[in-house]
């Protein structure tokens, strides 16, 4: 498994996801920002990646990754981060 390729895809998707989630967080609160980061924000990141960097998918295909596989890995990492953030938020609230 090529960790560097997955890391690059993760950073590229979250380059679009994080500003969207932060904007949503400023309007709705940190709880909803974390929920958005691990759900709908990934879709926004995918749309942004597809619009600006879709030619990079050929490199990921050559490494053996499908779009679904990459999105699944990003979702698992973001869900873990959001779960820990929500847990900390609930403890210190």
PDB file of N, CA and C in Angstrom:
ATOM      1  N   UNK A   1       0.853  -1.175   0.000  1.00  0.00           N
ATOM      2  CA  UNK A   1       0.000   0.000   0.000  1.00  0.00           C
ATOM      3  C   UNK A   1       0.898   1.238   0.000  1.00  0.00           C
ATOM      4  N   UNK A   2       0.551   2.162  -0.840  1.00  0.00           N
ATOM      5  CA  UNK A   2       1.337   3.376  -0.978  1.00  0.00           C
ATOM      6  C   UNK A   2       0.748   4.473  -0.089  1.00  0.00           C
ATOM      7  N   UNK A   3       1.325   4.645   1.078  1.00  0.00           N
ATOM      8  CA  UNK A   3       0.824   5.598   2.068  1.00  0.00           C
ATOM      9  C   UNK A   3       0.976   7.033   1.576  1.00  0.00           C
ATOM     10  N   UNK A   4       2.046   7.319   0.860  1.00  0.00           N
ATOM     11  CA  UNK A   4       2.265   8.692   0.377  1.00  0.00           C
ATOM     12  C   UNK A   4       1.185   9.111  -0.606  1.00  0.00           C
ATOM     13  N   UNK A   5       0.727   8.197  -1.445  1.00  0.00           N
ATOM     14  CA  UNK A   5      -0.331   8.521  -2.399  1.00  0.00           C
ATOM     15  C   UNK A   5      -1.646   8.787  -1.671  1.00  0.00           C
ATOM     16  N   UNK A   6      -1.942   7.967  -0.684  1.00  0.00           N
ATOM     17  CA  UNK A   6      -3.173   8.170   0.086  1.00  0.00           C
ATOM     18  C   UNK A   6      -3.089   9.488   0.851  1.00  0.00           C
ATOM     19  N   UNK A   7      -1.936   9.795   1.423  1.00  0.00           N
ATOM     20  CA  UNK A   7      -1.756  11.043   2.157  1.00  0.00           C
ATOM     21  C   UNK A   7      -1.940  12.247   1.241  1.00  0.00           C
ATOM     22  N   UNK A   8      -1.392  12.170   0.017  1.00  0.00           N
ATOM     23  CA  UNK A   8      -1.544  13.274  -0.932  1.00  0.00           C
ATOM     24  C   UNK A   8      -3.011  13.470  -1.298  1.00  0.00           C
ATOM     25  N   UNK A   9      -3.723  12.381  -1.534  1.00  0.00           N
ATOM     26  CA  UNK A   9      -5.147  12.490  -1.855  1.00  0.00           C
ATOM     27  C   UNK A   9      -5.916  13.058  -0.659  1.00  0.00           C
ATOM     28  N   UNK A  10      -5.577  12.605   0.533  1.00  0.00           N
ATOM     29  CA  UNK A  10      -6.238  13.099   1.742  1.00  0.00           C
ATOM     30  C   UNK A  10      -6.042  14.601   1.897  1.00  0.00           C
ATOM     31  N   UNK A  11      -4.835  15.077   1.683  1.00  0.00           N
ATOM     32  CA  UNK A  11      -4.555  16.519   1.795  1.00  0.00           C
ATOM     33  C   UNK A  11      -5.297  17.287   0.704  1.00  0.00           C
ATOM     34  N   UNK A  12      -5.295  16.750  -0.511  1.00  0.00           N
ATOM     35  CA  UNK A  12      -5.974  17.439  -1.615  1.00  0.00           C
ATOM     36  C   UNK A  12      -7.486  17.530  -1.398  1.00  0.00           C
ATOM     37  N   UNK A  13      -8.101  16.473  -0.914  1.00  0.00           N
ATOM     38  CA  UNK A  13      -9.548  16.505  -0.648  1.00  0.00           C
ATOM     39  C   UNK A  13      -9.850  17.474   0.483  1.00  0.00           C
ATOM     40  N   UNK A  14      -9.060  17.437   1.534  1.00  0.00           N
ATOM     41  CA  UNK A  14      -9.326  18.301   2.684  1.00  0.00           C
ATOM     42  C   UNK A  14      -8.938  19.752   2.437  1.00  0.00           C
ATOM     43  N   UNK A  15      -8.187  20.005   1.381  1.00  0.00           N
ATOM     44  CA  UNK A  15      -7.904  21.385   0.999  1.00  0.00           C
ATOM     45  C   UNK A  15      -9.210  22.096   0.605  1.00  0.00           C
ATOM     46  N   UNK A  16     -10.163  21.356   0.097  1.00  0.00           N
ATOM     47  CA  UNK A  16     -11.481  21.901  -0.229  1.00  0.00           C
ATOM     48  C   UNK A  16     -12.470  21.701   0.925  1.00  0.00           C
ATOM     49  N   UNK A  17     -12.297  20.629   1.680  1.00  0.00           N
ATOM     50  CA  UNK A  17     -13.214  20.276   2.760  1.00  0.00           C
ATOM     51  C   UNK A  17     -13.070  21.211   3.963  1.00  0.00           C
ATOM     52  N   UNK A  18     -11.877  21.500   4.383  1.00  0.00           N
ATOM     53  CA  UNK A  18     -11.658  22.271   5.607  1.00  0.00           C
ATOM     54  C   UNK A  18     -12.233  23.686   5.531  1.00  0.00           C
ATOM     55  N   UNK A  19     -11.992  24.440   4.448  1.00  0.00           N
ATOM     56  CA  UNK A  19     -12.621  25.774   4.403  1.00  0.00           C
ATOM     57  C   UNK A  19     -14.152  25.711   4.436  1.00  0.00           C
ATOM     58  N   UNK A  20     -14.716  24.716   3.761  1.00  0.00           N
ATOM     59  CA  UNK A  20     -16.164  24.553   3.786  1.00  0.00           C
ATOM     60  C   UNK A  20     -16.648  24.243   5.199  1.00  0.00           C
ATOM     61  N   UNK A  21     -15.964  23.342   5.886  1.00  0.00           N
ATOM     62  CA  UNK A  21     -16.366  22.970   7.244  1.00  0.00           C
ATOM     63  C   UNK A  21     -16.159  24.117   8.226  1.00  0.00           C
ATOM     64  N   UNK A  22     -15.085  24.885   8.059  1.00  0.00           N
ATOM     65  CA  UNK A  22     -14.857  26.030   8.945  1.00  0.00           C
ATOM     66  C   UNK A  22     -15.920  27.108   8.744  1.00  0.00           C
ATOM     67  N   UNK A  23     -16.270  27.375   7.505  1.00  0.00           N
ATOM     68  CA  UNK A  23     -17.326  28.347   7.246  1.00  0.00           C
ATOM     69  C   UNK A  23     -18.637  27.884   7.876  1.00  0.00           C
ATOM     70  N   UNK A  24     -18.931  26.605   7.715  1.00  0.00           N
ATOM     71  CA  UNK A  24     -20.143  26.055   8.312  1.00  0.00           C
ATOM     72  C   UNK A  24     -20.061  26.118   9.832  1.00  0.00           C
ATOM     73  N   UNK A  25     -18.864  25.921  10.382  1.00  0.00           N
ATOM     74  CA  UNK A  25     -18.675  25.985  11.827  1.00  0.00           C
ATOM     75  C   UNK A  25     -18.869  27.385  12.380  1.00  0.00           C
ATOM     76  N   UNK A  26     -18.430  28.398  11.627  1.00  0.00           N
ATOM     77  CA  UNK A  26     -18.617  29.772  12.084  1.00  0.00           C
ATOM     78  C   UNK A  26     -20.085  30.162  12.099  1.00  0.00           C
ATOM     79  N   UNK A  27     -20.879  29.551  11.238  1.00  0.00           N
ATOM     80  CA  UNK A  27     -22.298  29.894  11.192  1.00  0.00           C
ATOM     81  C   UNK A  27     -23.153  29.012  12.102  1.00  0.00           C
ATOM     82  N   UNK A  28     -22.710  27.771  12.359  1.00  0.00           N
ATOM     83  CA  UNK A  28     -23.559  26.842  13.115  1.00  0.00           C
ATOM     84  C   UNK A  28     -22.956  26.325  14.410  1.00  0.00           C
ATOM     85  N   UNK A  29     -21.673  26.440  14.594  1.00  0.00           N
ATOM     86  CA  UNK A  29     -21.039  25.954  15.816  1.00  0.00           C
ATOM     87  C   UNK A  29     -20.078  24.818  15.538  1.00  0.00           C
ATOM     88  N   UNK A  30     -19.237  24.545  16.538  1.00  0.00           N
ATOM     89  CA  UNK A  30     -18.177  23.554  16.366  1.00  0.00           C
ATOM     90  C   UNK A  30     -18.732  22.132  16.227  1.00  0.00           C
ATOM     91  N   UNK A  31     -19.815  21.843  16.903  1.00  0.00           N
ATOM     92  CA  UNK A  31     -20.402  20.505  16.813  1.00  0.00           C
ATOM     93  C   UNK A  31     -20.776  20.181  15.375  1.00  0.00           C
ATOM     94  N   UNK A  32     -21.483  21.089  14.731  1.00  0.00           N
ATOM     95  CA  UNK A  32     -21.925  20.846  13.355  1.00  0.00           C
ATOM     96  C   UNK A  32     -20.760  20.937  12.374  1.00  0.00           C
ATOM     97  N   UNK A  33     -19.746  21.707  12.716  1.00  0.00           N
ATOM     98  CA  UNK A  33     -18.563  21.765  11.867  1.00  0.00           C
ATOM     99  C   UNK A  33     -17.862  20.402  11.823  1.00  0.00           C
ATOM    100  N   UNK A  34     -17.742  19.740  12.962  1.00  0.00           N
ATOM    101  CA  UNK A  34     -17.127  18.416  12.995  1.00  0.00           C
ATOM    102  C   UNK A  34     -17.969  17.380  12.263  1.00  0.00           C
ATOM    103  N   UNK A  35     -19.279  17.475  12.403  1.00  0.00           N
ATOM    104  CA  UNK A  35     -20.163  16.565  11.665  1.00  0.00           C
ATOM    105  C   UNK A  35     -20.016  16.794  10.166  1.00  0.00           C
ATOM    106  N   UNK A  36     -19.971  18.051   9.760  1.00  0.00           N
ATOM    107  CA  UNK A  36     -19.834  18.394   8.351  1.00  0.00           C
ATOM    108  C   UNK A  36     -18.482  17.941   7.805  1.00  0.00           C
ATOM    109  N   UNK A  37     -17.430  18.036   8.622  1.00  0.00           N
ATOM    110  CA  UNK A  37     -16.086  17.640   8.205  1.00  0.00           C
ATOM    111  C   UNK A  37     -16.031  16.171   7.809  1.00  0.00           C
ATOM    112  N   UNK A  38     -16.790  15.349   8.506  1.00  0.00           N
ATOM    113  CA  UNK A  38     -16.728  13.913   8.234  1.00  0.00           C
ATOM    114  C   UNK A  38     -17.834  13.417   7.322  1.00  0.00           C
ATOM    115  N   UNK A  39     -18.720  14.290   6.863  1.00  0.00           N
ATOM    116  CA  UNK A  39     -19.805  13.808   6.010  1.00  0.00           C
ATOM    117  C   UNK A  39     -19.881  14.603   4.711  1.00  0.00           C
ATOM    118  N   UNK A  40     -20.677  15.634   4.700  1.00  0.00           N
ATOM    119  CA  UNK A  40     -20.937  16.390   3.475  1.00  0.00           C
ATOM    120  C   UNK A  40     -19.711  17.136   2.976  1.00  0.00           C
ATOM    121  N   UNK A  41     -18.801  17.485   3.863  1.00  0.00           N
ATOM    122  CA  UNK A  41     -17.571  18.168   3.471  1.00  0.00           C
ATOM    123  C   UNK A  41     -16.690  17.312   2.574  1.00  0.00           C
ATOM    124  N   UNK A  42     -16.713  15.998   2.779  1.00  0.00           N
ATOM    125  CA  UNK A  42     -15.943  15.105   1.923  1.00  0.00           C
ATOM    126  C   UNK A  42     -16.500  15.146   0.508  1.00  0.00           C
ATOM    127  N   UNK A  43     -17.820  15.220   0.385  1.00  0.00           N
ATOM    128  CA  UNK A  43     -18.430  15.358  -0.937  1.00  0.00           C
ATOM    129  C   UNK A  43     -18.006  16.666  -1.591  1.00  0.00           C
ATOM    130  N   UNK A  44     -17.969  17.747  -0.820  1.00  0.00           N
ATOM    131  CA  UNK A  44     -17.513  19.030  -1.358  1.00  0.00           C
ATOM    132  C   UNK A  44     -16.042  18.947  -1.778  1.00  0.00           C
ATOM    133  N   UNK A  45     -15.232  18.252  -0.994  1.00  0.00           N
ATOM    134  CA  UNK A  45     -13.829  18.055  -1.353  1.00  0.00           C
ATOM    135  C   UNK A  45     -13.679  17.233  -2.617  1.00  0.00           C
ATOM    136  N   UNK A  46     -14.514  16.205  -2.753  1.00  0.00           N
ATOM    137  CA  UNK A  46     -14.487  15.379  -3.961  1.00  0.00           C
ATOM    138  C   UNK A  46     -14.872  16.198  -5.184  1.00  0.00           C
ATOM    139  N   UNK A  47     -15.891  17.024  -5.054  1.00  0.00           N
ATOM    140  CA  UNK A  47     -16.317  17.867  -6.175  1.00  0.00           C
ATOM    141  C   UNK A  47     -15.208  18.855  -6.552  1.00  0.00           C
ATOM    142  N   UNK A  48     -14.573  19.460  -5.558  1.00  0.00           N
ATOM    143  CA  UNK A  48     -13.467  20.372  -5.825  1.00  0.00           C
ATOM    144  C   UNK A  48     -12.285  19.672  -6.470  1.00  0.00           C
ATOM    145  N   UNK A  49     -11.956  18.484  -5.984  1.00  0.00           N
ATOM    146  CA  UNK A  49     -10.852  17.721  -6.568  1.00  0.00           C
ATOM    147  C   UNK A  49     -11.185  17.331  -8.002  1.00  0.00           C
ATOM    148  N   UNK A  50     -12.415  16.900  -8.213  1.00  0.00           N
ATOM    149  CA  UNK A  50     -12.839  16.493  -9.553  1.00  0.00           C
ATOM    150  C   UNK A  50     -12.820  17.672 -10.519  1.00  0.00           C
ATOM    151  N   UNK A  51     -13.149  18.852 -10.042  1.00  0.00           N
ATOM    152  CA  UNK A  51     -13.182  20.029 -10.916  1.00  0.00           C
ATOM    153  C   UNK A  51     -11.785  20.523 -11.270  1.00  0.00           C
ATOM    154  N   UNK A  52     -10.851  20.462 -10.338  1.00  0.00           N
ATOM    155  CA  UNK A  52      -9.543  21.070 -10.557  1.00  0.00           C
ATOM    156  C   UNK A  52      -8.396  20.089 -10.785  1.00  0.00           C
ATOM    157  N   UNK A  53      -8.514  18.861 -10.300  1.00  0.00           N
ATOM    158  CA  UNK A  53      -7.377  17.939 -10.348  1.00  0.00           C
ATOM    159  C   UNK A  53      -7.750  16.546 -10.834  1.00  0.00           C
ATOM    160  N   UNK A  54      -8.789  16.417 -11.639  1.00  0.00           N
ATOM    161  CA  UNK A  54      -9.257  15.078 -11.982  1.00  0.00           C
ATOM    162  C   UNK A  54      -8.253  14.276 -12.810  1.00  0.00           C
ATOM    163  N   UNK A  55      -7.300  14.923 -13.466  1.00  0.00           N
ATOM    164  CA  UNK A  55      -6.291  14.187 -14.225  1.00  0.00           C
ATOM    165  C   UNK A  55      -5.374  13.377 -13.319  1.00  0.00           C
ATOM    166  N   UNK A  56      -5.306  13.727 -12.045  1.00  0.00           N
ATOM    167  CA  UNK A  56      -4.458  12.978 -11.113  1.00  0.00           C
ATOM    168  C   UNK A  56      -5.014  11.591 -10.809  1.00  0.00           C
ATOM    169  N   UNK A  57      -6.289  11.366 -11.120  1.00  0.00           N
ATOM    170  CA  UNK A  57      -6.857  10.037 -10.882  1.00  0.00           C
ATOM    171  C   UNK A  57      -6.140   8.952 -11.684  1.00  0.00           C
ATOM    172  N   UNK A  58      -5.574   9.302 -12.835  1.00  0.00           N
ATOM    173  CA  UNK A  58      -4.844   8.310 -13.621  1.00  0.00           C
ATOM    174  C   UNK A  58      -3.645   7.779 -12.845  1.00  0.00           C
ATOM    175  N   UNK A  59      -2.971   8.642 -12.127  1.00  0.00           N
ATOM    176  CA  UNK A  59      -1.853   8.195 -11.290  1.00  0.00           C
ATOM    177  C   UNK A  59      -2.310   7.268 -10.182  1.00  0.00           C
ATOM    178  N   UNK A  60      -3.451   7.583  -9.579  1.00  0.00           N
ATOM    179  CA  UNK A  60      -3.983   6.712  -8.527  1.00  0.00           C
ATOM    180  C   UNK A  60      -4.432   5.371  -9.095  1.00  0.00           C
ATOM    181  N   UNK A  61      -5.026   5.384 -10.307  1.00  0.00           N
ATOM    182  CA  UNK A  61      -5.405   4.123 -10.944  1.00  0.00           C
ATOM    183  C   UNK A  61      -4.178   3.261 -11.220  1.00  0.00           C
ATOM    184  N   UNK A  62      -3.088   3.898 -11.653  1.00  0.00           N
ATOM    185  CA  UNK A  62      -1.860   3.150 -11.921  1.00  0.00           C
ATOM    186  C   UNK A  62      -1.272   2.546 -10.653  1.00  0.00           C
ATOM    187  N   UNK A  63      -1.540   3.159  -9.518  1.00  0.00           N
ATOM    188  CA  UNK A  63      -1.075   2.604  -8.243  1.00  0.00           C
ATOM    189  C   UNK A  63      -2.039   1.566  -7.679  1.00  0.00           C
ATOM    190  N   UNK A  64      -3.191   1.393  -8.332  1.00  0.00           N
ATOM    191  CA  UNK A  64      -4.146   0.369  -7.912  1.00  0.00           C
ATOM    192  C   UNK A  64      -5.275   0.876  -7.046  1.00  0.00           C
ATOM    193  N   UNK A  65      -5.465   2.184  -6.966  1.00  0.00           N
ATOM    194  CA  UNK A  65      -6.539   2.753  -6.158  1.00  0.00           C
ATOM    195  C   UNK A  65      -7.709   3.163  -7.046  1.00  0.00           C
ATOM    196  N   UNK A  66      -8.909   2.871  -6.598  1.00  0.00           N
ATOM    197  CA  UNK A  66     -10.105   3.356  -7.282  1.00  0.00           C
ATOM    198  C   UNK A  66     -10.604   4.598  -6.554  1.00  0.00           C
ATOM    199  N   UNK A  67     -11.511   5.332  -7.193  1.00  0.00           N
ATOM    200  CA  UNK A  67     -12.079   6.522  -6.550  1.00  0.00           C
ATOM    201  C   UNK A  67     -12.796   6.136  -5.264  1.00  0.00           C
ATOM    202  N   UNK A  68     -13.564   5.056  -5.323  1.00  0.00           N
ATOM    203  CA  UNK A  68     -14.309   4.615  -4.147  1.00  0.00           C
ATOM    204  C   UNK A  68     -13.364   4.246  -3.008  1.00  0.00           C
ATOM    205  N   UNK A  69     -12.288   3.557  -3.329  1.00  0.00           N
ATOM    206  CA  UNK A  69     -11.309   3.161  -2.316  1.00  0.00           C
ATOM    207  C   UNK A  69     -10.675   4.385  -1.666  1.00  0.00           C
ATOM    208  N   UNK A  70     -10.317   5.389  -2.468  1.00  0.00           N
ATOM    209  CA  UNK A  70      -9.703   6.601  -1.929  1.00  0.00           C
ATOM    210  C   UNK A  70     -10.683   7.376  -1.052  1.00  0.00           C
ATOM    211  N   UNK A  71     -11.916   7.543  -1.529  1.00  0.00           N
ATOM    212  CA  UNK A  71     -12.928   8.267  -0.744  1.00  0.00           C
ATOM    213  C   UNK A  71     -13.217   7.531   0.562  1.00  0.00           C
ATOM    214  N   UNK A  72     -13.255   6.210   0.511  1.00  0.00           N
ATOM    215  CA  UNK A  72     -13.503   5.413   1.721  1.00  0.00           C
ATOM    216  C   UNK A  72     -12.403   5.645   2.755  1.00  0.00           C
ATOM    217  N   UNK A  73     -11.162   5.696   2.303  1.00  0.00           N
ATOM    218  CA  UNK A  73     -10.051   5.925   3.235  1.00  0.00           C
ATOM    219  C   UNK A  73     -10.115   7.331   3.830  1.00  0.00           C
ATOM    220  N   UNK A  74     -10.436   8.318   3.004  1.00  0.00           N
ATOM    221  CA  UNK A  74     -10.575   9.694   3.499  1.00  0.00           C
ATOM    222  C   UNK A  74     -11.710   9.759   4.511  1.00  0.00           C
ATOM    223  N   UNK A  75     -12.830   9.103   4.219  1.00  0.00           N
ATOM    224  CA  UNK A  75     -13.967   9.125   5.139  1.00  0.00           C
ATOM    225  C   UNK A  75     -13.603   8.476   6.475  1.00  0.00           C
ATOM    226  N   UNK A  76     -12.891   7.358   6.450  1.00  0.00           N
ATOM    227  CA  UNK A  76     -12.509   6.690   7.694  1.00  0.00           C
ATOM    228  C   UNK A  76     -11.593   7.570   8.547  1.00  0.00           C
ATOM    229  N   UNK A  77     -10.648   8.229   7.916  1.00  0.00           N
ATOM    230  CA  UNK A  77      -9.740   9.106   8.669  1.00  0.00           C
ATOM    231  C   UNK A  77     -10.502  10.303   9.233  1.00  0.00           C
ATOM    232  N   UNK A  78     -11.334  10.942   8.391  1.00  0.00           N
ATOM    233  CA  UNK A  78     -12.087  12.105   8.860  1.00  0.00           C
ATOM    234  C   UNK A  78     -13.118  11.732   9.917  1.00  0.00           C
ATOM    235  N   UNK A  79     -13.732  10.565   9.787  1.00  0.00           N
ATOM    236  CA  UNK A  79     -14.692  10.128  10.805  1.00  0.00           C
ATOM    237  C   UNK A  79     -13.984   9.893  12.136  1.00  0.00           C
ATOM    238  N   UNK A  80     -12.781   9.338  12.094  1.00  0.00           N
ATOM    239  CA  UNK A  80     -12.018   9.126  13.329  1.00  0.00           C
ATOM    240  C   UNK A  80     -11.648  10.450  13.983  1.00  0.00           C
ATOM    241  N   UNK A  81     -11.192  11.403  13.175  1.00  0.00           N
ATOM    242  CA  UNK A  81     -10.841  12.717  13.701  1.00  0.00           C
ATOM    243  C   UNK A  81     -12.071  13.405  14.282  1.00  0.00           C
ATOM    244  N   UNK A  82     -13.184  13.322  13.575  1.00  0.00           N
ATOM    245  CA  UNK A  82     -14.419  13.961  14.057  1.00  0.00           C
ATOM    246  C   UNK A  82     -14.923  13.303  15.336  1.00  0.00           C
ATOM    247  N   UNK A  83     -14.811  11.984  15.418  1.00  0.00           N
ATOM    248  CA  UNK A  83     -15.246  11.284  16.626  1.00  0.00           C
ATOM    249  C   UNK A  83     -14.424  11.728  17.827  1.00  0.00           C
ATOM    250  N   UNK A  84     -13.119  11.816  17.652  1.00  0.00           N
ATOM    251  CA  UNK A  84     -12.267  12.274  18.756  1.00  0.00           C
ATOM    252  C   UNK A  84     -12.573  13.726  19.114  1.00  0.00           C
ATOM    253  N   UNK A  85     -12.794  14.570  18.095  1.00  0.00           N
ATOM    254  CA  UNK A  85     -13.139  15.965  18.351  1.00  0.00           C
ATOM    255  C   UNK A  85     -14.465  16.102  19.073  1.00  0.00           C
ATOM    256  N   UNK A  86     -15.460  15.305  18.654  1.00  0.00           N
ATOM    257  CA  UNK A  86     -16.760  15.343  19.325  1.00  0.00           C
ATOM    258  C   UNK A  86     -16.670  14.826  20.755  1.00  0.00           C
ATOM    259  N   UNK A  87     -15.857  13.811  20.959  1.00  0.00           N
ATOM    260  CA  UNK A  87     -15.662  13.289  22.311  1.00  0.00           C
ATOM    261  C   UNK A  87     -15.035  14.345  23.215  1.00  0.00           C
ATOM    262  N   UNK A  88     -14.013  15.028  22.726  1.00  0.00           N
ATOM    263  CA  UNK A  88     -13.383  16.104  23.492  1.00  0.00           C
ATOM    264  C   UNK A  88     -14.367  17.242  23.723  1.00  0.00           C
ATOM    265  N   UNK A  89     -15.156  17.563  22.700  1.00  0.00           N
ATOM    266  CA  UNK A  89     -16.151  18.632  22.810  1.00  0.00           C
ATOM    267  C   UNK A  89     -17.184  18.293  23.877  1.00  0.00           C
ATOM    268  N   UNK A  90     -17.637  17.038  23.930  1.00  0.00           N
ATOM    269  CA  UNK A  90     -18.636  16.636  24.911  1.00  0.00           C
ATOM    270  C   UNK A  90     -18.064  16.608  26.334  1.00  0.00           C
ATOM    271  N   UNK A  91     -16.795  16.241  26.473  1.00  0.00           N
ATOM    272  CA  UNK A  91     -16.182  16.168  27.786  1.00  0.00           C
ATOM    273  C   UNK A  91     -15.996  17.566  28.383  1.00  0.00           C
ATOM    274  N   UNK A  92     -15.513  18.500  27.580  1.00  0.00           N
ATOM    275  CA  UNK A  92     -15.195  19.831  28.076  1.00  0.00           C
ATOM    276  C   UNK A  92     -16.310  20.851  27.887  1.00  0.00           C
ATOM    277  N   UNK A  93     -17.456  20.415  27.510  1.00  0.00           N
ATOM    278  CA  UNK A  93     -18.584  21.324  27.315  1.00  0.00           C
ATOM    279  C   UNK A  93     -19.210  21.729  28.566  1.00  0.00           C
TER     280      UNK A  93
END
